[in-house]
């Protein structure tokens, strides 16, 4: 079963999004580069939000990225996850950003394979604030490795 069918089996929906102010996913050669996608969960990790809530927020971002990538590429099949950047709205003493961003990485490992197309590079960084007070923002780069 390919990544596309795995996502659908997990209950991930793929609604059509209307173009907005910025391009959510742009293709350049064999790369798909996404804008930052933000969680619906708002708040600050380590000051009101738990690591588990942050993990869910990062997973939300990963789902939104998949929706944008699929709208641009037409499928999730034939893609390799190259890089994630996870930005975590963090209290000054919060140091578990990596555990929060695992919410995105774990979903991609599940869909693309942990030791295969989903084995990606990643940065997980803490920020004093994020736009509109969201808990997490994630951006990604995918490589197109097979023709659709």
C-alpha atoms as a PDB file:
ATOM      1  CA  UNK A   1       0.000   0.000   0.000  1.00  0.00           C
ATOM      2  CA  UNK A   2       1.419   3.392  -1.008  1.00  0.00           C
ATOM      3  CA  UNK A   3       1.561   6.544   1.107  1.00  0.00           C
ATOM      4  CA  UNK A   4      -1.599   7.907  -0.504  1.00  0.00           C
ATOM      5  CA  UNK A   5      -3.700   4.878   0.469  1.00  0.00           C
ATOM      6  CA  UNK A   6      -2.112   4.728   3.938  1.00  0.00           C
ATOM      7  CA  UNK A   7      -3.104   8.349   4.542  1.00  0.00           C
ATOM      8  CA  UNK A   8      -6.669   7.710   3.432  1.00  0.00           C
ATOM      9  CA  UNK A   9      -6.807   4.592   5.649  1.00  0.00           C
ATOM     10  CA  UNK A  10      -5.752   6.787   8.606  1.00  0.00           C
ATOM     11  CA  UNK A  11      -8.731   9.047   7.898  1.00  0.00           C
ATOM     12  CA  UNK A  12      -6.768  11.936   6.417  1.00  0.00           C
ATOM     13  CA  UNK A  13      -9.039  13.934   4.114  1.00  0.00           C
ATOM     14  CA  UNK A  14      -7.839  15.856   1.096  1.00  0.00           C
ATOM     15  CA  UNK A  15     -10.140  18.837   0.551  1.00  0.00           C
ATOM     16  CA  UNK A  16      -9.392  21.226  -2.299  1.00  0.00           C
ATOM     17  CA  UNK A  17      -7.934  24.483  -0.996  1.00  0.00           C
ATOM     18  CA  UNK A  18      -8.380  27.774  -2.778  1.00  0.00           C
ATOM     19  CA  UNK A  19      -5.219  29.801  -3.498  1.00  0.00           C
ATOM     20  CA  UNK A  20      -4.422  32.291  -0.781  1.00  0.00           C
ATOM     21  CA  UNK A  21      -1.933  35.061  -0.174  1.00  0.00           C
ATOM     22  CA  UNK A  22       1.033  32.676  -0.452  1.00  0.00           C
ATOM     23  CA  UNK A  23       1.636  29.438  -2.302  1.00  0.00           C
ATOM     24  CA  UNK A  24       1.321  26.599   0.226  1.00  0.00           C
ATOM     25  CA  UNK A  25       3.407  24.229  -1.913  1.00  0.00           C
ATOM     26  CA  UNK A  26       5.608  25.077  -4.865  1.00  0.00           C
ATOM     27  CA  UNK A  27       7.299  22.670  -7.247  1.00  0.00           C
ATOM     28  CA  UNK A  28      10.859  23.367  -8.382  1.00  0.00           C
ATOM     29  CA  UNK A  29      12.322  20.645 -10.587  1.00  0.00           C
ATOM     30  CA  UNK A  30      11.996  17.424  -8.578  1.00  0.00           C
ATOM     31  CA  UNK A  31      11.335  19.209  -5.286  1.00  0.00           C
ATOM     32  CA  UNK A  32       8.128  20.187  -3.527  1.00  0.00           C
ATOM     33  CA  UNK A  33       8.751  22.962  -0.996  1.00  0.00           C
ATOM     34  CA  UNK A  34       6.012  23.949   1.415  1.00  0.00           C
ATOM     35  CA  UNK A  35       5.235  27.105   3.274  1.00  0.00           C
ATOM     36  CA  UNK A  36       4.966  26.818   7.027  1.00  0.00           C
ATOM     37  CA  UNK A  37       1.698  25.167   8.023  1.00  0.00           C
ATOM     38  CA  UNK A  38       0.359  26.038  11.469  1.00  0.00           C
ATOM     39  CA  UNK A  39      -1.556  24.076  14.071  1.00  0.00           C
ATOM     40  CA  UNK A  40      -5.103  24.871  15.100  1.00  0.00           C
ATOM     41  CA  UNK A  41      -3.919  24.337  18.671  1.00  0.00           C
ATOM     42  CA  UNK A  42      -2.758  27.596  20.207  1.00  0.00           C
ATOM     43  CA  UNK A  43      -0.586  28.250  23.230  1.00  0.00           C
ATOM     44  CA  UNK A  44       2.912  27.927  24.574  1.00  0.00           C
ATOM     45  CA  UNK A  45       4.716  24.673  25.274  1.00  0.00           C
ATOM     46  CA  UNK A  46       5.945  24.542  28.843  1.00  0.00           C
ATOM     47  CA  UNK A  47       3.505  27.269  29.907  1.00  0.00           C
ATOM     48  CA  UNK A  48       0.045  25.783  29.546  1.00  0.00           C
ATOM     49  CA  UNK A  49       0.542  23.145  26.860  1.00  0.00           C
ATOM     50  CA  UNK A  50       2.017  19.696  27.471  1.00  0.00           C
ATOM     51  CA  UNK A  51       4.433  17.831  25.229  1.00  0.00           C
ATOM     52  CA  UNK A  52       1.541  15.530  24.264  1.00  0.00           C
ATOM     53  CA  UNK A  53      -0.570  18.504  23.151  1.00  0.00           C
ATOM     54  CA  UNK A  54       2.401  19.858  21.225  1.00  0.00           C
ATOM     55  CA  UNK A  55       2.888  16.469  19.581  1.00  0.00           C
ATOM     56  CA  UNK A  56      -0.738  16.593  18.369  1.00  0.00           C
ATOM     57  CA  UNK A  57      -0.223  20.169  17.135  1.00  0.00           C
ATOM     58  CA  UNK A  58       2.820  19.072  15.097  1.00  0.00           C
ATOM     59  CA  UNK A  59       0.825  16.167  13.676  1.00  0.00           C
ATOM     60  CA  UNK A  60      -1.907  18.645  12.638  1.00  0.00           C
ATOM     61  CA  UNK A  61       0.724  20.634  10.765  1.00  0.00           C
ATOM     62  CA  UNK A  62       2.011  17.479   9.059  1.00  0.00           C
ATOM     63  CA  UNK A  63      -1.510  16.599   7.882  1.00  0.00           C
ATOM     64  CA  UNK A  64      -2.008  20.091   6.461  1.00  0.00           C
ATOM     65  CA  UNK A  65       1.325  19.797   4.643  1.00  0.00           C
ATOM     66  CA  UNK A  66       0.228  16.478   3.132  1.00  0.00           C
ATOM     67  CA  UNK A  67      -2.972  18.115   1.921  1.00  0.00           C
ATOM     68  CA  UNK A  68      -1.025  20.911   0.203  1.00  0.00           C
ATOM     69  CA  UNK A  69       1.542  18.531  -1.283  1.00  0.00           C
ATOM     70  CA  UNK A  70      -1.156  16.218  -2.624  1.00  0.00           C
ATOM     71  CA  UNK A  71      -3.075  19.128  -4.136  1.00  0.00           C
ATOM     72  CA  UNK A  72       0.087  20.241  -5.947  1.00  0.00           C
ATOM     73  CA  UNK A  73       1.405  16.794  -6.946  1.00  0.00           C
ATOM     74  CA  UNK A  74      -1.840  14.825  -7.241  1.00  0.00           C
ATOM     75  CA  UNK A  75      -0.710  11.973  -4.989  1.00  0.00           C
ATOM     76  CA  UNK A  76       1.547  11.220  -2.039  1.00  0.00           C
ATOM     77  CA  UNK A  77       2.993   8.216  -3.831  1.00  0.00           C
ATOM     78  CA  UNK A  78       6.432   8.521  -5.372  1.00  0.00           C
ATOM     79  CA  UNK A  79       7.614  11.109  -2.839  1.00  0.00           C
ATOM     80  CA  UNK A  80      10.533  11.120  -0.425  1.00  0.00           C
ATOM     81  CA  UNK A  81      10.504  13.314   2.689  1.00  0.00           C
ATOM     82  CA  UNK A  82      13.797  15.219   2.660  1.00  0.00           C
ATOM     83  CA  UNK A  83      13.591  17.823   5.422  1.00  0.00           C
ATOM     84  CA  UNK A  84      11.281  19.173   8.110  1.00  0.00           C
ATOM     85  CA  UNK A  85      11.606  22.394  10.049  1.00  0.00           C
ATOM     86  CA  UNK A  86       9.527  22.430  13.213  1.00  0.00           C
ATOM     87  CA  UNK A  87       8.994  25.712  15.057  1.00  0.00           C
ATOM     88  CA  UNK A  88       7.617  25.383  18.585  1.00  0.00           C
ATOM     89  CA  UNK A  89       6.072  28.241  20.586  1.00  0.00           C
ATOM     90  CA  UNK A  90       8.091  27.694  23.758  1.00  0.00           C
ATOM     91  CA  UNK A  91       8.436  28.990  27.294  1.00  0.00           C
ATOM     92  CA  UNK A  92      12.030  30.124  28.008  1.00  0.00           C
ATOM     93  CA  UNK A  93      12.924  26.963  29.938  1.00  0.00           C
ATOM     94  CA  UNK A  94      11.161  24.474  27.615  1.00  0.00           C
ATOM     95  CA  UNK A  95      13.699  22.107  26.014  1.00  0.00           C
ATOM     96  CA  UNK A  96      11.594  19.309  24.527  1.00  0.00           C
ATOM     97  CA  UNK A  97      10.986  20.818  21.089  1.00  0.00           C
ATOM     98  CA  UNK A  98      12.314  17.629  19.499  1.00  0.00           C
ATOM     99  CA  UNK A  99       9.634  15.546  21.252  1.00  0.00           C
ATOM    100  CA  UNK A 100       6.929  17.930  20.036  1.00  0.00           C
ATOM    101  CA  UNK A 101       8.075  17.829  16.398  1.00  0.00           C
ATOM    102  CA  UNK A 102       8.086  14.028  16.578  1.00  0.00           C
ATOM    103  CA  UNK A 103       4.330  14.425  15.984  1.00  0.00           C
ATOM    104  CA  UNK A 104       5.122  15.357  12.379  1.00  0.00           C
ATOM    105  CA  UNK A 105       8.049  12.971  11.916  1.00  0.00           C
ATOM    106  CA  UNK A 106       6.171   9.963  13.294  1.00  0.00           C
ATOM    107  CA  UNK A 107       3.289  10.486  10.860  1.00  0.00           C
ATOM    108  CA  UNK A 108       5.681  10.689   7.912  1.00  0.00           C
ATOM    109  CA  UNK A 109       7.530   7.586   9.127  1.00  0.00           C
ATOM    110  CA  UNK A 110       4.180   5.791   9.279  1.00  0.00           C
ATOM    111  CA  UNK A 111       3.197   6.824   5.750  1.00  0.00           C
ATOM    112  CA  UNK A 112       6.522   6.764   3.897  1.00  0.00           C
ATOM    113  CA  UNK A 113       8.567   4.316   6.000  1.00  0.00           C
ATOM    114  CA  UNK A 114      10.965   5.087   8.837  1.00  0.00           C
ATOM    115  CA  UNK A 115      13.967   3.553   7.086  1.00  0.00           C
ATOM    116  CA  UNK A 116      12.980   4.382   3.539  1.00  0.00           C
ATOM    117  CA  UNK A 117      11.292   7.354   1.863  1.00  0.00           C
ATOM    118  CA  UNK A 118      10.217   8.840   5.203  1.00  0.00           C
ATOM    119  CA  UNK A 119      13.704   8.883   6.775  1.00  0.00           C
ATOM    120  CA  UNK A 120      14.292  12.634   6.769  1.00  0.00           C
ATOM    121  CA  UNK A 121      16.531  15.394   8.066  1.00  0.00           C
ATOM    122  CA  UNK A 122      14.919  17.699  10.621  1.00  0.00           C
ATOM    123  CA  UNK A 123      15.346  20.765  12.770  1.00  0.00           C
ATOM    124  CA  UNK A 124      13.196  21.400  15.855  1.00  0.00           C
ATOM    125  CA  UNK A 125      13.512  24.922  17.224  1.00  0.00           C
ATOM    126  CA  UNK A 126      11.931  26.891  20.044  1.00  0.00           C
ATOM    127  CA  UNK A 127      10.527  30.374  19.460  1.00  0.00           C
ATOM    128  CA  UNK A 128       9.330  33.048  21.879  1.00  0.00           C
ATOM    129  CA  UNK A 129       6.151  33.388  19.809  1.00  0.00           C
ATOM    130  CA  UNK A 130       4.600  32.241  16.542  1.00  0.00           C
ATOM    131  CA  UNK A 131       2.024  33.986  14.323  1.00  0.00           C
ATOM    132  CA  UNK A 132      -1.470  34.225  15.861  1.00  0.00           C
ATOM    133  CA  UNK A 133      -0.259  32.377  18.965  1.00  0.00           C
ATOM    134  CA  UNK A 134      -0.190  28.918  17.359  1.00  0.00           C
ATOM    135  CA  UNK A 135       1.625  26.169  19.231  1.00  0.00           C
ATOM    136  CA  UNK A 136       3.560  24.764  16.262  1.00  0.00           C
ATOM    137  CA  UNK A 137       4.486  25.603  12.674  1.00  0.00           C
ATOM    138  CA  UNK A 138       6.102  23.058  10.344  1.00  0.00           C
ATOM    139  CA  UNK A 139       7.477  23.324   6.827  1.00  0.00           C
ATOM    140  CA  UNK A 140       8.775  20.517   4.616  1.00  0.00           C
ATOM    141  CA  UNK A 141      10.707  19.639   1.497  1.00  0.00           C
ATOM    142  CA  UNK A 142       9.790  16.536  -0.528  1.00  0.00           C
ATOM    143  CA  UNK A 143      11.596  14.989  -3.488  1.00  0.00           C
ATOM    144  CA  UNK A 144       9.645  13.499  -6.379  1.00  0.00           C
ATOM    145  CA  UNK A 145      11.332  10.129  -6.885  1.00  0.00           C
ATOM    146  CA  UNK A 146       8.800   8.482  -9.243  1.00  0.00           C
ATOM    147  CA  UNK A 147       6.592   9.784 -11.999  1.00  0.00           C
ATOM    148  CA  UNK A 148       2.884  10.048 -11.125  1.00  0.00           C
END
